[in-house]
Amino acid sequence: MKKYLMLAAATGLLATSLTTAQAEPGGCLKYGAAGAVGGHVANHHGVLGAMGGCVTGMYVRHRYRKEARAKAALYDKEHPGAKGSYEEKATAYDVEHSTSPGQMHSTAPATSAPNATAPAQPE
């Protein structure tokens, strides 16, 4: 029996290591678990915390996917005929424009010559 249990555990570990990981935020399970713990600590309201965490997780994931679709649409405008899913296109947009997930615009400061537009000061 121990042999079959170890074989099943090894098969399960191999199956989970072969799947690709999604770079999406938590979702209902992750946020729901955190909400349940928080609700339990806050006067034994674990179920209420889990429900609130689940709703929050679904909203965060919805916002992430909505932004990824917007980035994919921008990428399609710049590269007509590009192939791939919207996640791949959003990642390519992030790489090209130095953005990160959760931000539509680059956080890098604009480079310009100092005092290029300022008038010369008389001495």
PDB file of N, CA and C in Angstrom:
ATOM      1  N   MET A   1       0.818  -1.187   0.000  1.00  0.00           N
ATOM      2  CA  MET A   1       0.000   0.000   0.000  1.00  0.00           C
ATOM      3  C   MET A   1       0.867   1.258   0.000  1.00  0.00           C
ATOM      4  N   LYS A   2       1.955   1.201   0.749  1.00  0.00           N
ATOM      5  CA  LYS A   2       2.861   2.352   0.836  1.00  0.00           C
ATOM      6  C   LYS A   2       3.469   2.649  -0.541  1.00  0.00           C
ATOM      7  N   LYS A   3       3.739   1.588  -1.300  1.00  0.00           N
ATOM      8  CA  LYS A   3       4.312   1.747  -2.640  1.00  0.00           C
ATOM      9  C   LYS A   3       3.345   2.498  -3.553  1.00  0.00           C
ATOM     10  N   TYR A   4       2.061   2.162  -3.504  1.00  0.00           N
ATOM     11  CA  TYR A   4       1.058   2.826  -4.341  1.00  0.00           C
ATOM     12  C   TYR A   4       0.855   4.282  -3.922  1.00  0.00           C
ATOM     13  N   LEU A   5       0.920   4.539  -2.644  1.00  0.00           N
ATOM     14  CA  LEU A   5       0.769   5.898  -2.139  1.00  0.00           C
ATOM     15  C   LEU A   5       1.930   6.778  -2.608  1.00  0.00           C
ATOM     16  N   MET A   6       3.126   6.260  -2.539  1.00  0.00           N
ATOM     17  CA  MET A   6       4.303   7.016  -3.003  1.00  0.00           C
ATOM     18  C   MET A   6       4.247   7.228  -4.519  1.00  0.00           C
ATOM     19  N   LEU A   7       3.797   6.232  -5.248  1.00  0.00           N
ATOM     20  CA  LEU A   7       3.658   6.354  -6.698  1.00  0.00           C
ATOM     21  C   LEU A   7       2.617   7.423  -7.057  1.00  0.00           C
ATOM     22  N   ALA A   8       1.500   7.437  -6.339  1.00  0.00           N
ATOM     23  CA  ALA A   8       0.464   8.446  -6.585  1.00  0.00           C
ATOM     24  C   ALA A   8       0.976   9.844  -6.241  1.00  0.00           C
ATOM     25  N   ALA A   9       1.721   9.975  -5.160  1.00  0.00           N
ATOM     26  CA  ALA A   9       2.275  11.276  -4.776  1.00  0.00           C
ATOM     27  C   ALA A   9       3.287  11.760  -5.812  1.00  0.00           C
ATOM     28  N   ALA A  10       4.129  10.873  -6.303  1.00  0.00           N
ATOM     29  CA  ALA A  10       5.120  11.243  -7.316  1.00  0.00           C
ATOM     30  C   ALA A  10       4.434  11.641  -8.621  1.00  0.00           C
ATOM     31  N   THR A  11       3.387  10.922  -8.995  1.00  0.00           N
ATOM     32  CA  THR A  11       2.642  11.247 -10.213  1.00  0.00           C
ATOM     33  C   THR A  11       1.962  12.605 -10.078  1.00  0.00           C
ATOM     34  N   GLY A  12       1.384  12.864  -8.939  1.00  0.00           N
ATOM     35  CA  GLY A  12       0.743  14.167  -8.702  1.00  0.00           C
ATOM     36  C   GLY A  12       1.745  15.308  -8.737  1.00  0.00           C
ATOM     37  N   LEU A  13       2.908  15.095  -8.140  1.00  0.00           N
ATOM     38  CA  LEU A  13       3.949  16.121  -8.151  1.00  0.00           C
ATOM     39  C   LEU A  13       4.444  16.370  -9.564  1.00  0.00           C
ATOM     40  N   LEU A  14       4.615  15.335 -10.325  1.00  0.00           N
ATOM     41  CA  LEU A  14       5.058  15.489 -11.712  1.00  0.00           C
ATOM     42  C   LEU A  14       4.001  16.203 -12.550  1.00  0.00           C
ATOM     43  N   ALA A  15       2.749  15.881 -12.349  1.00  0.00           N
ATOM     44  CA  ALA A  15       1.671  16.511 -13.119  1.00  0.00           C
ATOM     45  C   ALA A  15       1.570  17.999 -12.805  1.00  0.00           C
ATOM     46  N   THR A  16       1.758  18.378 -11.557  1.00  0.00           N
ATOM     47  CA  THR A  16       1.665  19.799 -11.212  1.00  0.00           C
ATOM     48  C   THR A  16       2.885  20.579 -11.658  1.00  0.00           C
ATOM     49  N   SER A  17       4.028  19.934 -11.768  1.00  0.00           N
ATOM     50  CA  SER A  17       5.223  20.652 -12.196  1.00  0.00           C
ATOM     51  C   SER A  17       5.273  20.841 -13.708  1.00  0.00           C
ATOM     52  N   LEU A  18       4.492  20.069 -14.464  1.00  0.00           N
ATOM     53  CA  LEU A  18       4.503  20.186 -15.915  1.00  0.00           C
ATOM     54  C   LEU A  18       3.551  21.256 -16.436  1.00  0.00           C
ATOM     55  N   THR A  19       2.604  21.688 -15.642  1.00  0.00           N
ATOM     56  CA  THR A  19       1.660  22.698 -16.099  1.00  0.00           C
ATOM     57  C   THR A  19       2.303  24.074 -16.061  1.00  0.00           C
ATOM     58  N   THR A  20       1.816  24.957 -16.917  1.00  0.00           N
ATOM     59  CA  THR A  20       2.359  26.314 -16.937  1.00  0.00           C
ATOM     60  C   THR A  20       1.663  27.162 -15.894  1.00  0.00           C
ATOM     61  N   ALA A  21       2.400  28.056 -15.322  1.00  0.00           N
ATOM     62  CA  ALA A  21       1.851  28.933 -14.294  1.00  0.00           C
ATOM     63  C   ALA A  21       1.297  30.194 -14.938  1.00  0.00           C
ATOM     64  N   GLN A  22       0.165  30.647 -14.476  1.00  0.00           N
ATOM     65  CA  GLN A  22      -0.421  31.890 -14.950  1.00  0.00           C
ATOM     66  C   GLN A  22       0.053  33.026 -14.059  1.00  0.00           C
ATOM     67  N   ALA A  23       0.333  34.150 -14.656  1.00  0.00           N
ATOM     68  CA  ALA A  23       0.799  35.304 -13.898  1.00  0.00           C
ATOM     69  C   ALA A  23      -0.369  36.223 -13.579  1.00  0.00           C
ATOM     70  N   GLU A  24      -1.429  35.658 -13.048  1.00  0.00           N
ATOM     71  CA  GLU A  24      -2.599  36.435 -12.688  1.00  0.00           C
ATOM     72  C   GLU A  24      -2.668  36.576 -11.178  1.00  0.00           C
ATOM     73  N   PRO A  25      -3.312  37.630 -10.712  1.00  0.00           N
ATOM     74  CA  PRO A  25      -3.470  37.773  -9.269  1.00  0.00           C
ATOM     75  C   PRO A  25      -4.396  36.702  -8.702  1.00  0.00           C
ATOM     76  N   GLY A  26      -4.368  36.554  -7.404  1.00  0.00           N
ATOM     77  CA  GLY A  26      -5.000  35.486  -6.641  1.00  0.00           C
ATOM     78  C   GLY A  26      -6.329  34.934  -7.066  1.00  0.00           C
ATOM     79  N   GLY A  27      -7.373  35.675  -7.013  1.00  0.00           N
ATOM     80  CA  GLY A  27      -8.689  35.146  -7.313  1.00  0.00           C
ATOM     81  C   GLY A  27      -9.435  34.773  -6.048  1.00  0.00           C
ATOM     82  N   CYS A  28     -10.522  34.043  -6.231  1.00  0.00           N
ATOM     83  CA  CYS A  28     -11.443  33.753  -5.129  1.00  0.00           C
ATOM     84  C   CYS A  28     -10.808  32.879  -4.049  1.00  0.00           C
ATOM     85  N   LEU A  29     -10.086  31.845  -4.415  1.00  0.00           N
ATOM     86  CA  LEU A  29      -9.536  30.939  -3.409  1.00  0.00           C
ATOM     87  C   LEU A  29      -8.489  31.613  -2.537  1.00  0.00           C
ATOM     88  N   LYS A  30      -7.553  32.301  -3.157  1.00  0.00           N
ATOM     89  CA  LYS A  30      -6.469  32.918  -2.400  1.00  0.00           C
ATOM     90  C   LYS A  30      -6.989  34.042  -1.507  1.00  0.00           C
ATOM     91  N   TYR A  31      -7.763  34.946  -2.066  1.00  0.00           N
ATOM     92  CA  TYR A  31      -8.290  36.051  -1.282  1.00  0.00           C
ATOM     93  C   TYR A  31      -9.341  35.564  -0.286  1.00  0.00           C
ATOM     94  N   GLY A  32     -10.100  34.548  -0.668  1.00  0.00           N
ATOM     95  CA  GLY A  32     -11.095  33.992   0.244  1.00  0.00           C
ATOM     96  C   GLY A  32     -10.453  33.358   1.464  1.00  0.00           C
ATOM     97  N   ALA A  33      -9.340  32.657   1.271  1.00  0.00           N
ATOM     98  CA  ALA A  33      -8.632  32.053   2.399  1.00  0.00           C
ATOM     99  C   ALA A  33      -8.081  33.132   3.321  1.00  0.00           C
ATOM    100  N   ALA A  34      -7.508  34.175   2.739  1.00  0.00           N
ATOM    101  CA  ALA A  34      -6.991  35.271   3.563  1.00  0.00           C
ATOM    102  C   ALA A  34      -8.129  35.973   4.296  1.00  0.00           C
ATOM    103  N   GLY A  35      -9.255  36.155   3.635  1.00  0.00           N
ATOM    104  CA  GLY A  35     -10.412  36.772   4.279  1.00  0.00           C
ATOM    105  C   GLY A  35     -10.972  35.911   5.397  1.00  0.00           C
ATOM    106  N   ALA A  36     -10.947  34.601   5.221  1.00  0.00           N
ATOM    107  CA  ALA A  36     -11.439  33.698   6.255  1.00  0.00           C
ATOM    108  C   ALA A  36     -10.564  33.778   7.502  1.00  0.00           C
ATOM    109  N   VAL A  37      -9.273  33.818   7.301  1.00  0.00           N
ATOM    110  CA  VAL A  37      -8.356  33.945   8.443  1.00  0.00           C
ATOM    111  C   VAL A  37      -8.565  35.286   9.129  1.00  0.00           C
ATOM    112  N   GLY A  38      -8.652  36.356   8.326  1.00  0.00           N
ATOM    113  CA  GLY A  38      -8.878  37.677   8.905  1.00  0.00           C
ATOM    114  C   GLY A  38     -10.214  37.759   9.624  1.00  0.00           C
ATOM    115  N   GLY A  39     -11.255  37.177   9.049  1.00  0.00           N
ATOM    116  CA  GLY A  39     -12.567  37.183   9.684  1.00  0.00           C
ATOM    117  C   GLY A  39     -12.593  36.368  10.962  1.00  0.00           C
ATOM    118  N   HIS A  40     -11.853  35.273  10.978  1.00  0.00           N
ATOM    119  CA  HIS A  40     -11.792  34.454  12.180  1.00  0.00           C
ATOM    120  C   HIS A  40     -11.099  35.206  13.308  1.00  0.00           C
ATOM    121  N   VAL A  41     -10.024  35.903  12.974  1.00  0.00           N
ATOM    122  CA  VAL A  41      -9.297  36.674  13.973  1.00  0.00           C
ATOM    123  C   VAL A  41     -10.162  37.833  14.472  1.00  0.00           C
ATOM    124  N   ALA A  42     -10.946  38.426  13.580  1.00  0.00           N
ATOM    125  CA  ALA A  42     -11.795  39.559  13.951  1.00  0.00           C
ATOM    126  C   ALA A  42     -13.149  39.050  14.446  1.00  0.00           C
ATOM    127  N   ASN A  43     -13.161  38.509  15.643  1.00  0.00           N
ATOM    128  CA  ASN A  43     -14.402  38.151  16.335  1.00  0.00           C
ATOM    129  C   ASN A  43     -15.149  36.983  15.681  1.00  0.00           C
ATOM    130  N   HIS A  44     -14.435  36.008  15.179  1.00  0.00           N
ATOM    131  CA  HIS A  44     -15.003  34.754  14.671  1.00  0.00           C
ATOM    132  C   HIS A  44     -16.033  34.950  13.553  1.00  0.00           C
ATOM    133  N   HIS A  45     -15.690  35.746  12.563  1.00  0.00           N
ATOM    134  CA  HIS A  45     -16.542  35.934  11.387  1.00  0.00           C
ATOM    135  C   HIS A  45     -15.826  35.381  10.150  1.00  0.00           C
ATOM    136  N   GLY A  46     -15.416  34.121  10.225  1.00  0.00           N
ATOM    137  CA  GLY A  46     -14.647  33.512   9.141  1.00  0.00           C
ATOM    138  C   GLY A  46     -15.410  33.393   7.841  1.00  0.00           C
ATOM    139  N   VAL A  47     -16.679  33.035   7.898  1.00  0.00           N
ATOM    140  CA  VAL A  47     -17.471  32.868   6.679  1.00  0.00           C
ATOM    141  C   VAL A  47     -17.683  34.218   6.002  1.00  0.00           C
ATOM    142  N   LEU A  48     -17.987  35.229   6.801  1.00  0.00           N
ATOM    143  CA  LEU A  48     -18.167  36.570   6.241  1.00  0.00           C
ATOM    144  C   LEU A  48     -16.865  37.080   5.624  1.00  0.00           C
ATOM    145  N   GLY A  49     -15.737  36.832   6.289  1.00  0.00           N
ATOM    146  CA  GLY A  49     -14.434  37.229   5.742  1.00  0.00           C
ATOM    147  C   GLY A  49     -14.108  36.489   4.467  1.00  0.00           C
ATOM    148  N   ALA A  50     -14.450  35.201   4.410  1.00  0.00           N
ATOM    149  CA  ALA A  50     -14.194  34.415   3.202  1.00  0.00           C
ATOM    150  C   ALA A  50     -15.021  34.930   2.030  1.00  0.00           C
ATOM    151  N   MET A  51     -16.273  35.290   2.296  1.00  0.00           N
ATOM    152  CA  MET A  51     -17.116  35.819   1.218  1.00  0.00           C
ATOM    153  C   MET A  51     -16.574  37.155   0.725  1.00  0.00           C
ATOM    154  N   GLY A  52     -16.190  38.026   1.648  1.00  0.00           N
ATOM    155  CA  GLY A  52     -15.622  39.319   1.252  1.00  0.00           C
ATOM    156  C   GLY A  52     -14.312  39.158   0.504  1.00  0.00           C
ATOM    157  N   GLY A  53     -13.473  38.227   0.964  1.00  0.00           N
ATOM    158  CA  GLY A  53     -12.205  37.978   0.278  1.00  0.00           C
ATOM    159  C   GLY A  53     -12.405  37.407  -1.106  1.00  0.00           C
ATOM    160  N   CYS A  54     -13.385  36.537  -1.255  1.00  0.00           N
ATOM    161  CA  CYS A  54     -13.683  35.940  -2.557  1.00  0.00           C
ATOM    162  C   CYS A  54     -14.141  37.005  -3.548  1.00  0.00           C
ATOM    163  N   VAL A  55     -15.032  37.883  -3.103  1.00  0.00           N
ATOM    164  CA  VAL A  55     -15.515  38.953  -3.977  1.00  0.00           C
ATOM    165  C   VAL A  55     -14.362  39.880  -4.362  1.00  0.00           C
ATOM    166  N   THR A  56     -13.511  40.207  -3.390  1.00  0.00           N
ATOM    167  CA  THR A  56     -12.356  41.064  -3.673  1.00  0.00           C
ATOM    168  C   THR A  56     -11.418  40.396  -4.667  1.00  0.00           C
ATOM    169  N   GLY A  57     -11.158  39.105  -4.507  1.00  0.00           N
ATOM    170  CA  GLY A  57     -10.277  38.387  -5.419  1.00  0.00           C
ATOM    171  C   GLY A  57     -10.816  38.335  -6.834  1.00  0.00           C
ATOM    172  N   MET A  58     -12.128  38.130  -6.961  1.00  0.00           N
ATOM    173  CA  MET A  58     -12.724  38.112  -8.297  1.00  0.00           C
ATOM    174  C   MET A  58     -12.621  39.484  -8.953  1.00  0.00           C
ATOM    175  N   TYR A  59     -12.795  40.542  -8.172  1.00  0.00           N
ATOM    176  CA  TYR A  59     -12.696  41.898  -8.727  1.00  0.00           C
ATOM    177  C   TYR A  59     -11.270  42.219  -9.157  1.00  0.00           C
ATOM    178  N   VAL A  60     -10.283  41.838  -8.345  1.00  0.00           N
ATOM    179  CA  VAL A  60      -8.886  42.093  -8.692  1.00  0.00           C
ATOM    180  C   VAL A  60      -8.512  41.355  -9.973  1.00  0.00           C
ATOM    181  N   ARG A  61      -8.936  40.114 -10.088  1.00  0.00           N
ATOM    182  CA  ARG A  61      -8.639  39.346 -11.302  1.00  0.00           C
ATOM    183  C   ARG A  61      -9.354  39.939 -12.505  1.00  0.00           C
ATOM    184  N   HIS A  62     -10.592  40.418 -12.331  1.00  0.00           N
ATOM    185  CA  HIS A  62     -11.331  41.066 -13.421  1.00  0.00           C
ATOM    186  C   HIS A  62     -10.588  42.308 -13.906  1.00  0.00           C
ATOM    187  N   ARG A  63     -10.112  43.136 -12.973  1.00  0.00           N
ATOM    188  CA  ARG A  63      -9.355  44.339 -13.349  1.00  0.00           C
ATOM    189  C   ARG A  63      -8.086  43.982 -14.103  1.00  0.00           C
ATOM    190  N   TYR A  64      -7.388  42.927 -13.646  1.00  0.00           N
ATOM    191  CA  TYR A  64      -6.153  42.500 -14.305  1.00  0.00           C
ATOM    192  C   TYR A  64      -6.436  42.050 -15.736  1.00  0.00           C
ATOM    193  N   ARG A  65      -7.470  41.237 -15.928  1.00  0.00           N
ATOM    194  CA  ARG A  65      -7.783  40.744 -17.267  1.00  0.00           C
ATOM    195  C   ARG A  65      -8.264  41.862 -18.186  1.00  0.00           C
ATOM    196  N   LYS A  66      -9.005  42.816 -17.628  1.00  0.00           N
ATOM    197  CA  LYS A  66      -9.477  43.960 -18.414  1.00  0.00           C
ATOM    198  C   LYS A  66      -8.293  44.792 -18.900  1.00  0.00           C
ATOM    199  N   GLU A  67      -7.332  45.024 -18.026  1.00  0.00           N
ATOM    200  CA  GLU A  67      -6.140  45.776 -18.419  1.00  0.00           C
ATOM    201  C   GLU A  67      -5.314  45.002 -19.447  1.00  0.00           C
ATOM    202  N   ALA A  68      -5.217  43.679 -19.292  1.00  0.00           N
ATOM    203  CA  ALA A  68      -4.468  42.868 -20.246  1.00  0.00           C
ATOM    204  C   ALA A  68      -5.115  42.912 -21.622  1.00  0.00           C
ATOM    205  N   ARG A  69      -6.451  42.893 -21.673  1.00  0.00           N
ATOM    206  CA  ARG A  69      -7.123  43.003 -22.970  1.00  0.00           C
ATOM    207  C   ARG A  69      -6.886  44.378 -23.598  1.00  0.00           C
ATOM    208  N   ALA A  70      -6.844  45.436 -22.774  1.00  0.00           N
ATOM    209  CA  ALA A  70      -6.574  46.783 -23.305  1.00  0.00           C
ATOM    210  C   ALA A  70      -5.160  46.866 -23.855  1.00  0.00           C
ATOM    211  N   LYS A  71      -4.196  46.280 -23.148  1.00  0.00           N
ATOM    212  CA  LYS A  71      -2.817  46.272 -23.631  1.00  0.00           C
ATOM    213  C   LYS A  71      -2.694  45.450 -24.910  1.00  0.00           C
ATOM    214  N   ALA A  72      -3.431  44.344 -25.004  1.00  0.00           N
ATOM    215  CA  ALA A  72      -3.406  43.529 -26.219  1.00  0.00           C
ATOM    216  C   ALA A  72      -3.974  44.308 -27.393  1.00  0.00           C
ATOM    217  N   ALA A  73      -5.004  45.116 -27.147  1.00  0.00           N
ATOM    218  CA  ALA A  73      -5.579  45.931 -28.223  1.00  0.00           C
ATOM    219  C   ALA A  73      -4.574  46.982 -28.688  1.00  0.00           C
ATOM    220  N   LEU A  74      -3.853  47.586 -27.757  1.00  0.00           N
ATOM    221  CA  LEU A  74      -2.810  48.555 -28.134  1.00  0.00           C
ATOM    222  C   LEU A  74      -1.694  47.871 -28.916  1.00  0.00           C
ATOM    223  N   TYR A  75      -1.334  46.666 -28.492  1.00  0.00           N
ATOM    224  CA  TYR A  75      -0.291  45.915 -29.196  1.00  0.00           C
ATOM    225  C   TYR A  75      -0.755  45.572 -30.611  1.00  0.00           C
ATOM    226  N   ASP A  76      -2.038  45.229 -30.771  1.00  0.00           N
ATOM    227  CA  ASP A  76      -2.567  44.926 -32.104  1.00  0.00           C
ATOM    228  C   ASP A  76      -2.539  46.150 -33.010  1.00  0.00           C
ATOM    229  N   LYS A  77      -2.747  47.344 -32.437  1.00  0.00           N
ATOM    230  CA  LYS A  77      -2.670  48.563 -33.241  1.00  0.00           C
ATOM    231  C   LYS A  77      -1.252  48.793 -33.744  1.00  0.00           C
ATOM    232  N   GLU A  78      -0.263  48.517 -32.881  1.00  0.00           N
ATOM    233  CA  GLU A  78       1.134  48.727 -33.268  1.00  0.00           C
ATOM    234  C   GLU A  78       1.655  47.617 -34.172  1.00  0.00           C
ATOM    235  N   HIS A  79       1.146  46.408 -34.006  1.00  0.00           N
ATOM    236  CA  HIS A  79       1.616  45.252 -34.763  1.00  0.00           C
ATOM    237  C   HIS A  79       0.428  44.541 -35.390  1.00  0.00           C
ATOM    238  N   PRO A  80      -0.101  45.056 -36.497  1.00  0.00           N
ATOM    239  CA  PRO A  80      -1.256  44.395 -37.116  1.00  0.00           C
ATOM    240  C   PRO A  80      -0.898  42.986 -37.586  1.00  0.00           C
ATOM    241  N   GLY A  81      -1.799  42.064 -37.351  1.00  0.00           N
ATOM    242  CA  GLY A  81      -1.582  40.687 -37.776  1.00  0.00           C
ATOM    243  C   GLY A  81      -0.780  39.857 -36.800  1.00  0.00           C
ATOM    244  N   ALA A  82      -0.513  40.368 -35.607  1.00  0.00           N
ATOM    245  CA  ALA A  82       0.261  39.617 -34.619  1.00  0.00           C
ATOM    246  C   ALA A  82      -0.560  38.438 -34.119  1.00  0.00           C
ATOM    247  N   LYS A  83       0.104  37.331 -33.901  1.00  0.00           N
ATOM    248  CA  LYS A  83      -0.556  36.113 -33.426  1.00  0.00           C
ATOM    249  C   LYS A  83      -0.315  35.956 -31.932  1.00  0.00           C
ATOM    250  N   GLY A  84      -1.206  35.242 -31.274  1.00  0.00           N
ATOM    251  CA  GLY A  84      -1.038  34.936 -29.861  1.00  0.00           C
ATOM    252  C   GLY A  84      -2.267  35.317 -29.061  1.00  0.00           C
ATOM    253  N   SER A  85      -2.275  34.875 -27.812  1.00  0.00           N
ATOM    254  CA  SER A  85      -3.396  35.184 -26.928  1.00  0.00           C
ATOM    255  C   SER A  85      -3.247  36.598 -26.383  1.00  0.00           C
ATOM    256  N   TYR A  86      -4.286  37.075 -25.732  1.00  0.00           N
ATOM    257  CA  TYR A  86      -4.214  38.428 -25.213  1.00  0.00           C
ATOM    258  C   TYR A  86      -3.195  38.526 -24.071  1.00  0.00           C
ATOM    259  N   GLU A  87      -2.958  37.424 -23.339  1.00  0.00           N
ATOM    260  CA  GLU A  87      -1.935  37.452 -22.292  1.00  0.00           C
ATOM    261  C   GLU A  87      -0.544  37.625 -22.892  1.00  0.00           C
ATOM    262  N   GLU A  88      -0.284  36.924 -23.991  1.00  0.00           N
ATOM    263  CA  GLU A  88       1.018  37.031 -24.650  1.00  0.00           C
ATOM    264  C   GLU A  88       1.223  38.428 -25.223  1.00  0.00           C
ATOM    265  N   LYS A  89       0.173  38.981 -25.819  1.00  0.00           N
ATOM    266  CA  LYS A  89       0.285  40.325 -26.396  1.00  0.00           C
ATOM    267  C   LYS A  89       0.456  41.368 -25.303  1.00  0.00           C
ATOM    268  N   ALA A  90      -0.223  41.208 -24.166  1.00  0.00           N
ATOM    269  CA  ALA A  90      -0.073  42.146 -23.056  1.00  0.00           C
ATOM    270  C   ALA A  90       1.341  42.084 -22.494  1.00  0.00           C
ATOM    271  N   THR A  91       1.911  40.892 -22.419  1.00  0.00           N
ATOM    272  CA  THR A  91       3.282  40.753 -21.948  1.00  0.00           C
ATOM    273  C   THR A  91       4.248  41.404 -22.924  1.00  0.00           C
ATOM    274  N   ALA A  92       4.026  41.223 -24.213  1.00  0.00           N
ATOM    275  CA  ALA A  92       4.879  41.849 -25.221  1.00  0.00           C
ATOM    276  C   ALA A  92       4.763  43.369 -25.145  1.00  0.00           C
ATOM    277  N   TYR A  93       3.564  43.878 -24.901  1.00  0.00           N
ATOM    278  CA  TYR A  93       3.369  45.323 -24.741  1.00  0.00           C
ATOM    279  C   TYR A  93       4.140  45.820 -23.520  1.00  0.00           C
ATOM    280  N   ASP A  94       4.100  45.069 -22.414  1.00  0.00           N
ATOM    281  CA  ASP A  94       4.837  45.449 -21.208  1.00  0.00           C
ATOM    282  C   ASP A  94       6.329  45.510 -21.476  1.00  0.00           C
ATOM    283  N   VAL A  95       6.836  44.555 -22.239  1.00  0.00           N
ATOM    284  CA  VAL A  95       8.267  44.519 -22.532  1.00  0.00           C
ATOM    285  C   VAL A  95       8.670  45.686 -23.427  1.00  0.00           C
ATOM    286  N   GLU A  96       7.882  45.952 -24.448  1.00  0.00           N
ATOM    287  CA  GLU A  96       8.233  47.024 -25.383  1.00  0.00           C
ATOM    288  C   GLU A  96       8.131  48.408 -24.764  1.00  0.00           C
ATOM    289  N   HIS A  97       7.178  48.604 -23.879  1.00  0.00           N
ATOM    290  CA  HIS A  97       6.917  49.942 -23.355  1.00  0.00           C
ATOM    291  C   HIS A  97       7.391  50.123 -21.923  1.00  0.00           C
ATOM    292  N   SER A  98       8.147  49.184 -21.398  1.00  0.00           N
ATOM    293  CA  SER A  98       8.695  49.247 -20.039  1.00  0.00           C
ATOM    294  C   SER A  98       7.611  49.500 -19.003  1.00  0.00           C
ATOM    295  N   THR A  99       6.499  48.826 -19.135  1.00  0.00           N
ATOM    296  CA  THR A  99       5.441  48.918 -18.141  1.00  0.00           C
ATOM    297  C   THR A  99       5.420  47.626 -17.340  1.00  0.00           C
ATOM    298  N   SER A 100       4.614  47.596 -16.342  1.00  0.00           N
ATOM    299  CA  SER A 100       4.457  46.382 -15.557  1.00  0.00           C
ATOM    300  C   SER A 100       2.968  46.097 -15.418  1.00  0.00           C
ATOM    301  N   PRO A 101       2.614  44.859 -15.084  1.00  0.00           N
ATOM    302  CA  PRO A 101       1.198  44.571 -14.900  1.00  0.00           C
ATOM    303  C   PRO A 101       0.603  45.486 -13.832  1.00  0.00           C
ATOM    304  N   GLY A 102      -0.530  46.067 -14.128  1.00  0.00           N
ATOM    305  CA  GLY A 102      -1.168  46.993 -13.208  1.00  0.00           C
ATOM    306  C   GLY A 102      -0.946  48.446 -13.575  1.00  0.00           C
ATOM    307  N   GLN A 103      -0.105  48.695 -14.582  1.00  0.00           N
ATOM    308  CA  GLN A 103       0.172  50.065 -15.009  1.00  0.00           C
ATOM    309  C   GLN A 103       0.103  50.124 -16.521  1.00  0.00           C
ATOM    310  N   MET A 104      -0.652  51.075 -17.031  1.00  0.00           N
ATOM    311  CA  MET A 104      -0.768  51.213 -18.476  1.00  0.00           C
ATOM    312  C   MET A 104       0.357  52.066 -19.057  1.00  0.00           C
ATOM    313  N   HIS A 105       0.970  52.911 -18.254  1.00  0.00           N
ATOM    314  CA  HIS A 105       1.995  53.812 -18.757  1.00  0.00           C
ATOM    315  C   HIS A 105       3.313  53.529 -18.065  1.00  0.00           C
ATOM    316  N   SER A 106       4.392  53.866 -18.737  1.00  0.00           N
ATOM    317  CA  SER A 106       5.725  53.626 -18.212  1.00  0.00           C
ATOM    318  C   SER A 106       5.980  54.505 -16.994  1.00  0.00           C
ATOM    319  N   THR A 107       6.713  53.957 -16.022  1.00  0.00           N
ATOM    320  CA  THR A 107       7.078  54.734 -14.851  1.00  0.00           C
ATOM    321  C   THR A 107       8.467  55.326 -14.991  1.00  0.00           C
ATOM    322  N   ALA A 108       9.138  55.040 -16.106  1.00  0.00           N
ATOM    323  CA  ALA A 108      10.472  55.584 -16.331  1.00  0.00           C
ATOM    324  C   ALA A 108      10.361  57.079 -16.597  1.00  0.00           C
ATOM    325  N   PRO A 109      11.249  57.877 -15.989  1.00  0.00           N
ATOM    326  CA  PRO A 109      11.171  59.317 -16.221  1.00  0.00           C
ATOM    327  C   PRO A 109      11.547  59.666 -17.650  1.00  0.00           C
ATOM    328  N   ALA A 110      10.887  60.674 -18.171  1.00  0.00           N
ATOM    329  CA  ALA A 110      11.180  61.124 -19.528  1.00  0.00           C
ATOM    330  C   ALA A 110      12.560  61.769 -19.546  1.00  0.00           C
ATOM    331  N   THR A 111      13.357  61.390 -20.517  1.00  0.00           N
ATOM    332  CA  THR A 111      14.703  61.958 -20.604  1.00  0.00           C
ATOM    333  C   THR A 111      14.692  63.165 -21.519  1.00  0.00           C
ATOM    334  N   SER A 112      15.164  64.262 -21.006  1.00  0.00           N
ATOM    335  CA  SER A 112      15.271  65.483 -21.803  1.00  0.00           C
ATOM    336  C   SER A 112      16.476  66.260 -21.317  1.00  0.00           C
ATOM    337  N   ALA A 113      16.972  67.088 -22.173  1.00  0.00           N
ATOM    338  CA  ALA A 113      18.132  67.897 -21.816  1.00  0.00           C
ATOM    339  C   ALA A 113      17.720  68.924 -20.774  1.00  0.00           C
ATOM    340  N   PRO A 114      18.535  69.145 -19.746  1.00  0.00           N
ATOM    341  CA  PRO A 114      18.166  70.122 -18.735  1.00  0.00           C
ATOM    342  C   PRO A 114      18.173  71.538 -19.313  1.00  0.00           C
ATOM    343  N   ASN A 115      17.156  72.296 -18.973  1.00  0.00           N
ATOM    344  CA  ASN A 115      17.009  73.684 -19.409  1.00  0.00           C
ATOM    345  C   ASN A 115      16.975  73.814 -20.927  1.00  0.00           C
ATOM    346  N   ALA A 116      16.464  72.819 -21.618  1.00  0.00           N
ATOM    347  CA  ALA A 116      16.419  72.879 -23.071  1.00  0.00           C
ATOM    348  C   ALA A 116      15.376  73.877 -23.544  1.00  0.00           C
ATOM    349  N   THR A 117      14.301  74.048 -22.802  1.00  0.00           N
ATOM    350  CA  THR A 117      13.259  74.992 -23.211  1.00  0.00           C
ATOM    351  C   THR A 117      13.275  76.263 -22.384  1.00  0.00           C
ATOM    352  N   ALA A 118      14.075  76.315 -21.372  1.00  0.00           N
ATOM    353  CA  ALA A 118      14.116  77.496 -20.517  1.00  0.00           C
ATOM    354  C   ALA A 118      14.938  78.585 -21.197  1.00  0.00           C
ATOM    355  N   PRO A 119      14.491  79.836 -21.097  1.00  0.00           N
ATOM    356  CA  PRO A 119      15.274  80.922 -21.703  1.00  0.00           C
ATOM    357  C   PRO A 119      16.567  81.144 -20.914  1.00  0.00           C
ATOM    358  N   ALA A 120      17.547  81.641 -21.608  1.00  0.00           N
ATOM    359  CA  ALA A 120      18.836  81.904 -20.986  1.00  0.00           C
ATOM    360  C   ALA A 120      18.689  83.016 -19.954  1.00  0.00           C
ATOM    361  N   GLN A 121      19.368  82.863 -18.828  1.00  0.00           N
ATOM    362  CA  GLN A 121      19.333  83.862 -17.773  1.00  0.00           C
ATOM    363  C   GLN A 121      20.415  84.912 -18.019  1.00  0.00           C
ATOM    364  N   PRO A 122      20.058  86.186 -17.913  1.00  0.00           N
ATOM    365  CA  PRO A 122      21.099  87.212 -18.061  1.00  0.00           C
ATOM    366  C   PRO A 122      22.016  87.187 -16.850  1.00  0.00           C
ATOM    367  N   GLU A 123      23.311  87.498 -17.096  1.00  0.00           N
ATOM    368  CA  GLU A 123      24.277  87.498 -15.994  1.00  0.00           C
ATOM    369  C   GLU A 123      24.597  88.855 -15.538  1.00  0.00           C
TER     370      GLU A 123
END
